Amino acid sequence: MTEPGKPELLIVDDDPVILDTLSYVLGEDFTVTTAESRTHAKALLRQRDTPPALALIDLGLPPKPHRPDEGFQLIAELIAIAPSIKIIVLSGQNDESNARHARTLGAIDFVSKPADPAQIKALLRQALEVTSAETSDASGLIGNSPPMQKLREQLTQFANAPFPVLIEGESGSGKELVAQALHKQSRRAGKPFMALNCAAISPTLVEPTLFGYAKGAFTGAVTARAGYFEDAVDSTLFLDEIGELPLELQAKLLRVLENGEYQRVGETQSRISNARIITATNRDLRSEVRHNRFRADLYHRLSVFTIGVPALRDLSDDKQLLLDHFRMFYAEQIGTQPVELDKDALRMWRDYPFPGNVRELRNVVIRLCTKYAGTQITPLLLQSEFDREVQAPAGLAEISEESVLLDAARRQIEADPEFKLDEVLKRWERGFIEAALAMTNGNLSQAAKRLGVQRTTLYSRMQTRSDAGEDK
């Protein structure tokens, strides 16, 4: 049960000892709900009217507790169900690439196990402050690139039309923001903007949630209740993740779109809705239609107007405009000085494709503002926030190999007054040789091939290193 004044926190971990410990330690400050798997966590969320503000999740979850796959999938699903949820990963799978990929998917931070409870509490509290900051952000759509100019033109053209609009775009690209912009520019702007995420509720609850229900219509229906279509009179109803709508309900939604008629669950009386319908999806609904997972007639009815929200990788200099907006905004909210990117880091920023789109960009800025307030960000610092698994453009690879390496070398020389280049090079050579041998299970020929040297050369260097070790 939710306690007044306590933020709600979902903890997902397959270790019951960790769940019990975290529940006890964090229970003083948060209303804690626990789950031991991805499916359990999703089921809990779909039973709730409102999602928790925070989630603390492990990556290694059943049925693959030794791999991060389930955790990665859970991050994506939690954000699809509850876009406002703030996710912190607490995991023993603390490979840096896992941390970066979790952030790319939408997690705001990554903490390695074992972790100090005070650190976890501080991060959760900080995440809540960010949540408050975001709800006050009314800046609207940011960007001057041709795709953004086209998007604004479409908003102007479609805003006052009564017909449905389908918004298509990748996860994290800002589809709900576009829907809100349509509402704000329409004659319905004086009415509340109603939004329902179709992925956020159980399929059995979609119909009563959309259409309402009569008293006694089902177990638990102790009073009659209006649905979203009824509440959105003279207003806009936004249905996010429309591709998740069960097939059996698609026919009922089609009926409302065609003549405005619907019925509350448990009633025979028809009601009329005049809500303007806007839907959004990150799926290819045309492909869903071809595979009989989405009704063709509903797709055509929903897509009278279609708006494609551009991916961030296609917005060129808008990445810098978004950087400038968010770094100033969050520095003010956190009460610190804004960060600055040096010219090489700025070039890296422009070249990085941001596969998580604006959501990923925003989270990177939040971490930079929190960890490096008031400082100049170098490529080395920035590289640690990006997902290296993402295919980088040539410019990013060049910076990674040259600028980042130079920056790291400078820092090491400055930090060690007795720096000796020969010793450093020997350590690096030893490290590469041992890594190649480990990768090839000790096969000298294969290790030499991986290192790009002749087998005799590798053998000679190993002997030299061995002799040097005996001389010490």
Protein backbone atom coordinates (compact mmCIF):
# COMPACT_ATOMS: atom_id res chain seq x y z
CA MET A 1 0.00 0.00 0.00
CA THR A 2 1.27 3.45 -0.90
CA GLU A 3 2.20 5.60 2.09
CA PRO A 4 1.39 9.33 1.77
CA GLY A 5 4.47 11.39 1.01
CA LYS A 6 6.63 8.41 0.07
CA PRO A 7 7.69 8.00 -3.59
CA GLU A 8 6.98 4.57 -5.04
CA LEU A 9 9.92 2.34 -5.97
CA LEU A 10 9.91 -0.94 -7.93
CA ILE A 11 12.87 -3.26 -7.19
CA VAL A 12 13.50 -6.17 -9.58
CA ASP A 13 16.09 -8.80 -8.60
CA ASP A 14 16.12 -12.60 -8.61
CA ASP A 15 18.00 -12.81 -5.29
CA PRO A 16 15.49 -12.89 -2.39
CA VAL A 17 18.15 -11.79 0.10
CA ILE A 18 18.86 -8.67 -1.95
CA LEU A 19 15.14 -7.96 -2.32
CA ASP A 20 14.58 -8.27 1.43
CA THR A 21 17.64 -6.19 2.29
CA LEU A 22 16.84 -3.38 -0.14
CA SER A 23 13.18 -3.37 0.89
CA TYR A 24 14.21 -2.95 4.53
CA VAL A 25 16.90 -0.32 3.90
CA LEU A 26 14.94 1.74 1.38
CA GLY A 27 11.53 1.23 2.98
CA GLU A 28 12.04 4.19 5.31
CA ASP A 29 12.15 6.60 2.37
CA PHE A 30 10.15 4.83 -0.36
CA THR A 31 7.05 2.70 -0.79
CA VAL A 32 8.70 -0.45 -2.13
CA THR A 33 7.25 -3.08 -4.48
CA THR A 34 9.41 -6.06 -5.44
CA ALA A 35 9.54 -8.50 -8.35
CA GLU A 36 11.92 -11.36 -9.08
CA SER A 37 11.65 -11.47 -12.89
CA ARG A 38 10.83 -9.41 -15.96
CA THR A 39 7.40 -10.99 -16.43
CA HIS A 40 6.54 -10.48 -12.75
CA ALA A 41 7.54 -6.80 -12.94
CA LYS A 42 5.41 -6.22 -16.05
CA ALA A 43 2.41 -7.96 -14.49
CA LEU A 44 2.69 -5.79 -11.37
CA LEU A 45 2.82 -2.58 -13.40
CA ARG A 46 -0.19 -3.50 -15.49
CA GLN A 47 -2.27 -4.01 -12.35
CA ARG A 48 -1.67 -0.42 -11.26
CA ASP A 49 -3.51 2.75 -12.17
CA THR A 50 -0.29 4.78 -12.01
CA PRO A 51 3.29 3.51 -12.42
CA PRO A 52 5.94 3.93 -9.72
CA ALA A 53 8.20 6.95 -10.05
CA LEU A 54 11.37 4.88 -9.71
CA ALA A 55 12.74 1.44 -10.57
CA LEU A 56 15.88 -0.29 -9.33
CA ILE A 57 16.60 -3.34 -11.47
CA ASP A 58 19.17 -6.07 -11.93
CA LEU A 59 20.32 -7.06 -15.42
CA GLY A 60 20.78 -10.77 -14.74
CA LEU A 61 17.22 -12.04 -14.41
CA PRO A 62 15.66 -15.48 -15.02
CA PRO A 63 15.59 -17.45 -17.21
CA LYS A 64 19.09 -16.16 -18.10
CA PRO A 65 20.51 -14.88 -14.80
CA HIS A 66 24.09 -14.94 -16.09
CA ARG A 67 23.37 -12.72 -19.07
CA PRO A 68 22.08 -9.13 -19.26
CA ASP A 69 19.46 -9.81 -21.96
CA GLU A 70 16.41 -9.97 -19.68
CA GLY A 71 17.45 -6.82 -17.86
CA PHE A 72 17.97 -4.92 -21.11
CA GLN A 73 14.56 -6.03 -22.36
CA LEU A 74 12.94 -5.02 -19.07
CA ILE A 75 14.39 -1.50 -19.31
CA ALA A 76 12.87 -1.06 -22.76
CA GLU A 77 9.52 -2.52 -21.65
CA LEU A 78 9.31 -0.43 -18.47
CA ILE A 79 9.86 2.76 -20.44
CA ALA A 80 7.28 1.67 -23.03
CA ILE A 81 4.77 1.04 -20.24
CA ALA A 82 5.70 4.11 -18.17
CA PRO A 83 7.78 6.68 -20.09
CA SER A 84 8.18 8.86 -16.98
CA ILE A 85 9.70 6.11 -14.82
CA LYS A 86 13.32 6.67 -13.72
CA ILE A 87 15.39 3.49 -13.90
CA ILE A 88 18.63 2.85 -12.04
CA VAL A 89 20.43 -0.42 -12.78
CA LEU A 90 21.95 -2.24 -9.79
CA SER A 91 23.82 -5.21 -11.18
CA GLY A 92 26.70 -7.57 -10.69
CA GLN A 93 27.09 -7.68 -14.47
CA ASN A 94 29.12 -4.51 -14.26
CA ASP A 95 30.97 -4.66 -17.55
CA GLU A 96 31.26 -1.07 -18.76
CA SER A 97 29.64 -1.96 -22.08
CA ASN A 98 26.58 -3.21 -20.16
CA ALA A 99 26.37 0.06 -18.27
CA ARG A 100 26.55 2.11 -21.46
CA HIS A 101 23.97 -0.03 -23.23
CA ALA A 102 21.57 0.18 -20.27
CA ARG A 103 21.84 3.97 -20.42
CA THR A 104 21.25 3.93 -24.16
CA LEU A 105 18.00 2.04 -23.58
CA GLY A 106 16.84 4.67 -21.09
CA ALA A 107 18.31 3.91 -17.65
CA ILE A 108 19.52 7.08 -15.99
CA ASP A 109 22.37 5.48 -14.03
CA PHE A 110 24.22 2.22 -13.34
CA VAL A 111 25.52 1.03 -9.95
CA SER A 112 27.71 -2.04 -9.49
CA LYS A 113 27.01 -4.62 -6.79
CA PRO A 114 27.74 -4.54 -3.94
CA ALA A 115 26.65 -0.95 -3.44
CA ASP A 116 26.45 1.37 -0.46
CA PRO A 117 22.75 1.87 0.47
CA ALA A 118 23.47 5.55 1.09
CA GLN A 119 24.69 5.87 -2.51
CA ILE A 120 21.55 4.16 -3.83
CA LYS A 121 19.32 6.43 -1.75
CA ALA A 122 21.15 9.51 -3.01
CA LEU A 123 20.77 8.43 -6.64
CA LEU A 124 17.07 7.71 -6.18
CA ARG A 125 16.49 11.08 -4.54
CA GLN A 126 18.41 12.78 -7.32
CA ALA A 127 16.29 10.98 -9.91
CA LEU A 128 13.15 12.37 -8.26
CA GLU A 129 14.52 15.90 -8.58
CA VAL A 130 15.06 15.31 -12.28
CA THR A 131 11.48 14.09 -12.61
CA SER A 132 10.20 17.32 -11.08
CA ALA A 133 12.37 19.33 -13.42
CA GLU A 134 11.04 17.56 -16.49
CA THR A 135 7.40 18.14 -15.64
CA SER A 136 8.06 21.88 -15.58
CA ASP A 137 9.69 21.87 -19.00
CA ALA A 138 7.34 23.54 -21.44
CA SER A 139 9.91 24.40 -24.10
CA GLY A 140 8.17 22.40 -26.80
CA LEU A 141 9.89 21.06 -29.90
CA ILE A 142 13.52 22.09 -30.34
CA GLY A 143 15.37 22.13 -33.66
CA ASN A 144 15.82 24.01 -36.93
CA SER A 145 16.87 21.17 -39.23
CA PRO A 146 14.79 20.46 -42.39
CA PRO A 147 13.09 17.40 -40.78
CA MET A 148 12.03 19.54 -37.80
CA GLN A 149 10.78 22.32 -40.09
CA LYS A 150 8.70 19.76 -41.98
CA LEU A 151 7.34 18.43 -38.67
CA ARG A 152 6.23 21.92 -37.59
CA GLU A 153 4.53 22.48 -40.94
CA GLN A 154 2.57 19.24 -40.50
CA LEU A 155 1.52 20.26 -37.00
CA THR A 156 0.16 23.54 -38.33
CA GLN A 157 -1.68 21.78 -41.16
CA PHE A 158 -3.25 19.02 -39.05
CA ALA A 159 -3.85 20.69 -35.67
CA ASN A 160 -7.44 21.87 -36.21
CA ALA A 161 -8.67 19.04 -38.40
CA PRO A 162 -11.05 16.65 -36.58
CA PHE A 163 -9.56 13.57 -38.24
CA PRO A 164 -7.26 10.98 -36.61
CA VAL A 165 -3.49 11.37 -36.72
CA LEU A 166 -1.00 8.50 -36.56
CA ILE A 167 2.43 9.47 -35.19
CA GLU A 168 5.25 7.10 -36.14
CA GLY A 169 8.76 7.16 -34.77
CA GLU A 170 11.47 5.29 -32.91
CA SER A 171 11.42 4.83 -29.16
CA GLY A 172 12.56 7.96 -27.35
CA SER A 173 12.02 10.29 -30.32
CA GLY A 174 9.31 12.38 -28.64
CA LYS A 175 6.04 11.11 -30.10
CA GLU A 176 3.95 12.15 -27.09
CA LEU A 177 5.48 15.63 -27.22
CA VAL A 178 4.31 15.86 -30.85
CA ALA A 179 0.81 14.74 -29.81
CA GLN A 180 0.73 17.40 -27.10
CA ALA A 181 1.85 20.02 -29.62
CA LEU A 182 -1.04 19.04 -31.91
CA HIS A 183 -3.47 19.48 -29.02
CA LYS A 184 -1.98 22.81 -27.91
CA GLN A 185 -2.25 24.25 -31.43
CA SER A 186 -5.86 23.11 -31.88
CA ARG A 187 -9.18 24.67 -30.89
CA ARG A 188 -9.40 21.98 -28.21
CA ALA A 189 -6.40 23.36 -26.31
CA GLY A 190 -8.61 24.66 -23.50
CA LYS A 191 -9.64 21.09 -22.62
CA PRO A 192 -7.45 18.50 -20.83
CA PHE A 193 -5.14 16.39 -22.99
CA MET A 194 -6.08 12.75 -22.27
CA ALA A 195 -3.39 10.09 -22.78
CA LEU A 196 -3.42 6.30 -22.41
CA ASN A 197 -0.48 3.98 -23.01
CA CYS A 198 -1.95 0.78 -24.49
CA ALA A 199 1.14 -1.18 -23.39
CA ALA A 200 0.77 -0.06 -19.78
CA ILE A 201 -2.39 -1.96 -18.84
CA SER A 202 -3.50 -5.57 -18.93
CA PRO A 203 -5.37 -6.54 -22.12
CA THR A 204 -8.39 -7.46 -20.00
CA LEU A 205 -8.57 -3.91 -18.64
CA VAL A 206 -8.22 -2.05 -21.93
CA GLU A 207 -11.92 -2.14 -22.81
CA PRO A 208 -13.28 -0.84 -19.46
CA THR A 209 -10.50 1.73 -19.34
CA LEU A 210 -11.33 3.09 -22.80
CA PHE A 211 -15.10 2.80 -22.74
CA GLY A 212 -16.00 2.75 -19.04
CA TYR A 213 -18.21 0.24 -17.28
CA ALA A 214 -21.51 -0.13 -15.47
CA LYS A 215 -21.88 -1.05 -11.81
CA GLY A 216 -21.64 -4.82 -11.44
CA ALA A 217 -20.26 -5.34 -14.95
CA PHE A 218 -17.49 -7.52 -13.53
CA THR A 219 -15.96 -8.47 -10.19
CA GLY A 220 -14.71 -5.32 -8.53
CA ALA A 221 -16.98 -2.95 -10.47
CA VAL A 222 -18.71 -1.64 -7.33
CA THR A 223 -19.63 1.66 -8.99
CA ALA A 224 -20.13 2.84 -12.57
CA ARG A 225 -17.18 4.60 -14.12
CA ALA A 226 -16.57 6.66 -17.26
CA GLY A 227 -13.81 5.70 -19.66
CA TYR A 228 -11.29 7.75 -21.61
CA PHE A 229 -13.61 8.32 -24.56
CA GLU A 230 -16.21 9.82 -22.26
CA ASP A 231 -13.70 11.94 -20.33
CA ALA A 232 -12.21 13.32 -23.55
CA VAL A 233 -15.40 15.13 -24.63
CA ASP A 234 -14.53 18.07 -26.91
CA SER A 235 -10.85 17.24 -26.33
CA THR A 236 -7.98 15.10 -27.59
CA LEU A 237 -7.44 11.43 -26.73
CA PHE A 238 -3.90 10.18 -27.28
CA LEU A 239 -3.44 6.41 -27.52
CA ASP A 240 0.25 5.58 -27.27
CA GLU A 241 1.69 2.21 -28.34
CA ILE A 242 -1.45 1.55 -30.41
CA GLY A 243 0.24 -1.50 -31.93
CA GLU A 244 -0.19 -3.25 -28.55
CA LEU A 245 -4.01 -3.05 -28.72
CA PRO A 246 -5.49 -6.60 -28.73
CA LEU A 247 -7.12 -7.66 -32.00
CA GLU A 248 -10.51 -8.22 -30.35
CA LEU A 249 -10.61 -4.59 -29.23
CA GLN A 250 -9.50 -3.16 -32.55
CA ALA A 251 -12.99 -3.70 -34.02
CA LYS A 252 -14.57 -1.73 -31.16
CA LEU A 253 -12.10 1.11 -31.60
CA LEU A 254 -12.86 1.14 -35.33
CA ARG A 255 -16.57 1.55 -34.58
CA VAL A 256 -15.90 4.63 -32.43
CA LEU A 257 -13.70 6.13 -35.13
CA GLU A 258 -16.32 5.57 -37.82
CA ASN A 259 -19.44 6.95 -36.11
CA GLY A 260 -18.46 7.96 -32.58
CA GLU A 261 -20.54 5.19 -30.98
CA TYR A 262 -19.39 3.08 -28.04
CA GLN A 263 -20.88 1.32 -25.05
CA ARG A 264 -19.73 1.04 -21.47
CA VAL A 265 -18.92 -2.53 -20.46
CA GLY A 266 -22.11 -4.04 -19.03
CA GLU A 267 -24.45 -1.54 -20.76
CA THR A 268 -26.55 -1.77 -23.91
CA GLN A 269 -27.04 1.98 -24.25
CA SER A 270 -24.90 3.58 -26.96
CA ARG A 271 -22.97 6.72 -26.19
CA ILE A 272 -21.34 9.19 -28.56
CA SER A 273 -17.77 10.45 -28.39
CA ASN A 274 -16.46 13.48 -30.23
CA ALA A 275 -12.87 13.09 -29.02
CA ARG A 276 -10.15 13.78 -31.56
CA ILE A 277 -7.99 10.63 -31.73
CA ILE A 278 -4.21 10.74 -31.99
CA THR A 279 -2.26 7.49 -31.89
CA ALA A 280 1.44 6.66 -31.83
CA THR A 281 3.60 3.62 -32.43
CA ASN A 282 7.22 2.61 -32.83
CA ARG A 283 6.14 -0.46 -34.79
CA ASP A 284 5.75 -0.73 -38.55
CA LEU A 285 1.97 -1.06 -38.62
CA ARG A 286 1.98 -1.82 -42.35
CA SER A 287 4.08 -4.90 -41.58
CA GLU A 288 1.75 -5.74 -38.68
CA VAL A 289 -1.19 -5.60 -41.10
CA ARG A 290 0.57 -7.92 -43.55
CA HIS A 291 1.16 -10.44 -40.77
CA ASN A 292 -2.47 -10.21 -39.57
CA ARG A 293 -1.49 -8.70 -36.22
CA PHE A 294 -3.28 -5.39 -36.88
CA ARG A 295 -6.53 -4.76 -38.72
CA ALA A 296 -6.07 -3.15 -42.13
CA ASP A 297 -9.32 -1.19 -41.87
CA LEU A 298 -8.31 0.25 -38.48
CA TYR A 299 -4.86 1.17 -39.77
CA HIS A 300 -6.35 3.12 -42.68
CA ARG A 301 -8.81 4.83 -40.35
CA LEU A 302 -6.09 5.85 -37.89
CA SER A 303 -3.69 7.09 -40.56
CA VAL A 304 -5.87 9.73 -42.24
CA PHE A 305 -2.93 11.98 -41.36
CA THR A 306 0.48 10.47 -40.64
CA ILE A 307 3.37 12.26 -38.97
CA GLY A 308 6.82 10.74 -38.93
CA VAL A 309 8.96 11.92 -36.01
CA PRO A 310 12.58 12.02 -37.22
CA ALA A 311 15.27 10.02 -35.45
CA LEU A 312 17.88 12.14 -33.69
CA ARG A 313 20.67 10.81 -35.93
CA ASP A 314 18.97 12.63 -38.84
CA LEU A 315 18.80 16.04 -37.13
CA SER A 316 22.39 17.24 -37.68
CA ASP A 317 22.98 20.48 -35.74
CA ASP A 318 19.80 20.04 -33.70
CA LYS A 319 21.84 17.75 -31.46
CA GLN A 320 23.80 20.78 -30.32
CA LEU A 321 20.63 22.85 -29.81
CA LEU A 322 19.24 20.07 -27.62
CA LEU A 323 22.54 19.86 -25.75
CA ASP A 324 22.50 23.60 -25.05
CA HIS A 325 18.86 23.51 -23.94
CA PHE A 326 19.20 20.55 -21.58
CA ARG A 327 22.58 21.49 -20.09
CA MET A 328 21.31 24.95 -19.12
CA PHE A 329 17.94 23.64 -17.95
CA TYR A 330 19.28 20.86 -15.71
CA ALA A 331 22.15 22.93 -14.34
CA GLU A 332 19.56 25.44 -13.16
CA GLN A 333 17.35 22.72 -11.69
CA ILE A 334 20.22 20.99 -9.89
CA GLY A 335 21.70 24.33 -8.79
CA THR A 336 25.11 23.94 -10.43
CA GLN A 337 27.13 25.56 -13.19
CA PRO A 338 26.46 24.14 -16.69
CA VAL A 339 28.99 21.89 -18.37
CA GLU A 340 30.84 22.90 -21.54
CA LEU A 341 32.09 20.57 -24.28
CA ASP A 342 35.48 21.27 -25.81
CA LYS A 343 35.69 21.36 -29.60
CA ASP A 344 36.66 17.69 -29.98
CA ALA A 345 33.96 16.52 -27.58
CA LEU A 346 31.44 18.68 -29.44
CA ARG A 347 32.45 17.04 -32.71
CA MET A 348 32.01 13.63 -31.06
CA TRP A 349 28.57 14.74 -29.84
CA ARG A 350 27.49 15.70 -33.37
CA ASP A 351 28.79 12.43 -34.84
CA TYR A 352 27.26 10.06 -32.28
CA PRO A 353 23.98 8.58 -33.66
CA PHE A 354 22.08 8.51 -30.32
CA PRO A 355 20.18 5.25 -30.93
CA GLY A 356 18.00 6.05 -27.89
CA ASN A 357 17.09 9.40 -29.50
CA VAL A 358 16.18 12.44 -27.39
CA ARG A 359 15.60 10.31 -24.29
CA GLU A 360 19.20 9.05 -24.45
CA LEU A 361 20.57 12.54 -25.17
CA ARG A 362 18.68 14.00 -22.21
CA ASN A 363 19.95 11.30 -19.84
CA VAL A 364 23.54 11.82 -20.98
CA VAL A 365 23.23 15.55 -20.26
CA ILE A 366 21.74 14.85 -16.82
CA ARG A 367 24.70 12.62 -15.93
CA LEU A 368 27.22 15.14 -17.24
CA CYS A 369 25.59 17.96 -15.27
CA THR A 370 25.57 15.84 -12.12
CA LYS A 371 29.08 14.38 -12.30
CA TYR A 372 31.05 17.19 -13.94
CA ALA A 373 29.19 20.39 -13.02
CA GLY A 374 30.91 23.54 -14.22
CA THR A 375 33.75 21.72 -15.97
CA GLN A 376 34.83 21.36 -19.57
CA ILE A 377 33.97 17.95 -21.01
CA THR A 378 36.71 16.23 -23.00
CA PRO A 379 36.26 13.38 -25.49
CA LEU A 380 37.52 10.92 -22.86
CA LEU A 381 34.79 11.89 -20.39
CA LEU A 382 32.13 11.95 -23.07
CA GLN A 383 33.13 8.60 -24.55
CA SER A 384 32.38 6.90 -21.23
CA GLU A 385 28.73 7.98 -21.55
CA PHE A 386 28.22 6.60 -25.06
CA ASP A 387 27.41 3.03 -26.10
CA ARG A 388 30.48 1.64 -27.84
CA GLU A 389 28.42 -1.18 -29.31
CA VAL A 390 26.81 1.41 -31.57
CA GLN A 391 28.37 1.62 -35.01
CA ALA A 392 30.22 4.94 -34.90
CA PRO A 393 30.70 7.22 -37.92
CA ALA A 394 34.21 7.81 -39.20
CA GLY A 395 34.52 11.09 -37.31
CA LEU A 396 33.71 9.45 -33.99
CA ALA A 397 36.15 6.61 -34.60
CA GLU A 398 38.84 9.15 -35.43
CA ILE A 399 38.23 11.05 -32.22
CA SER A 400 38.13 7.85 -30.20
CA GLU A 401 41.50 6.70 -31.50
CA GLU A 402 43.31 10.02 -31.56
CA SER A 403 41.77 12.68 -29.36
CA VAL A 404 40.67 10.32 -26.60
CA LEU A 405 44.05 8.56 -26.63
CA LEU A 406 45.93 11.87 -26.49
CA ASP A 407 43.78 13.05 -23.62
CA ALA A 408 44.37 9.82 -21.68
CA ALA A 409 48.13 10.00 -22.33
CA ARG A 410 48.31 13.60 -21.13
CA ARG A 411 46.46 12.76 -17.93
CA GLN A 412 48.75 9.80 -17.19
CA ILE A 413 51.92 11.83 -17.76
CA GLU A 414 50.62 14.66 -15.54
CA ALA A 415 49.59 12.24 -12.78
CA ASP A 416 52.96 10.37 -12.62
CA PRO A 417 56.03 12.57 -12.03
CA GLU A 418 58.27 9.49 -12.58
CA PHE A 419 56.56 8.45 -15.83
CA LYS A 420 58.68 6.13 -18.01
CA LEU A 421 57.46 5.45 -21.54
CA ASP A 422 59.31 2.12 -21.94
CA GLU A 423 57.67 0.65 -18.83
CA VAL A 424 54.21 1.76 -19.92
CA LEU A 425 54.66 0.31 -23.40
CA LYS A 426 55.88 -2.99 -21.94
CA ARG A 427 52.81 -3.22 -19.70
CA TRP A 428 50.50 -2.54 -22.64
CA GLU A 429 52.28 -5.11 -24.81
CA ARG A 430 52.06 -7.70 -22.04
CA GLY A 431 48.37 -6.97 -21.61
CA PHE A 432 47.59 -7.37 -25.31
CA ILE A 433 49.57 -10.60 -25.57
CA GLU A 434 47.87 -12.14 -22.54
CA ALA A 435 44.45 -11.05 -23.81
CA ALA A 436 45.06 -12.59 -27.25
CA LEU A 437 46.28 -15.86 -25.71
CA ALA A 438 43.25 -16.01 -23.44
CA MET A 439 40.91 -15.38 -26.40
CA THR A 440 42.51 -18.23 -28.38
CA ASN A 441 42.90 -20.67 -25.46
CA GLY A 442 46.69 -20.41 -25.64
CA ASN A 443 47.00 -21.14 -29.38
CA LEU A 444 50.14 -19.19 -30.38
CA SER A 445 49.37 -19.10 -34.12
CA GLN A 446 45.83 -17.82 -33.65
CA ALA A 447 46.95 -15.28 -31.05
CA ALA A 448 49.60 -13.94 -33.44
CA LYS A 449 46.95 -13.63 -36.15
CA ARG A 450 44.66 -11.68 -33.82
CA LEU A 451 47.53 -9.34 -32.93
CA GLY A 452 48.57 -8.85 -36.56
CA VAL A 453 52.13 -10.15 -36.13
CA GLN A 454 54.10 -13.20 -37.26
CA ARG A 455 54.10 -16.24 -34.98
CA THR A 456 57.88 -16.03 -34.63
CA THR A 457 57.62 -12.35 -33.67
CA LEU A 458 55.06 -13.10 -30.97
CA TYR A 459 57.16 -15.99 -29.65
CA SER A 460 60.25 -13.76 -29.57
CA ARG A 461 58.45 -11.01 -27.64
CA MET A 462 57.10 -13.55 -25.16
CA GLN A 463 60.60 -14.93 -24.62
CA THR A 464 62.03 -11.43 -24.17
CA ARG A 465 59.34 -10.63 -21.62
CA SER A 466 59.96 -13.94 -19.81
CA ASP A 467 63.73 -13.35 -19.68
CA ALA A 468 63.18 -9.82 -18.36
CA GLY A 469 61.00 -11.26 -15.60
CA GLU A 470 63.74 -13.75 -14.56
CA ASP A 471 66.39 -11.02 -14.45
CA LYS A 472 64.42 -9.04 -11.85
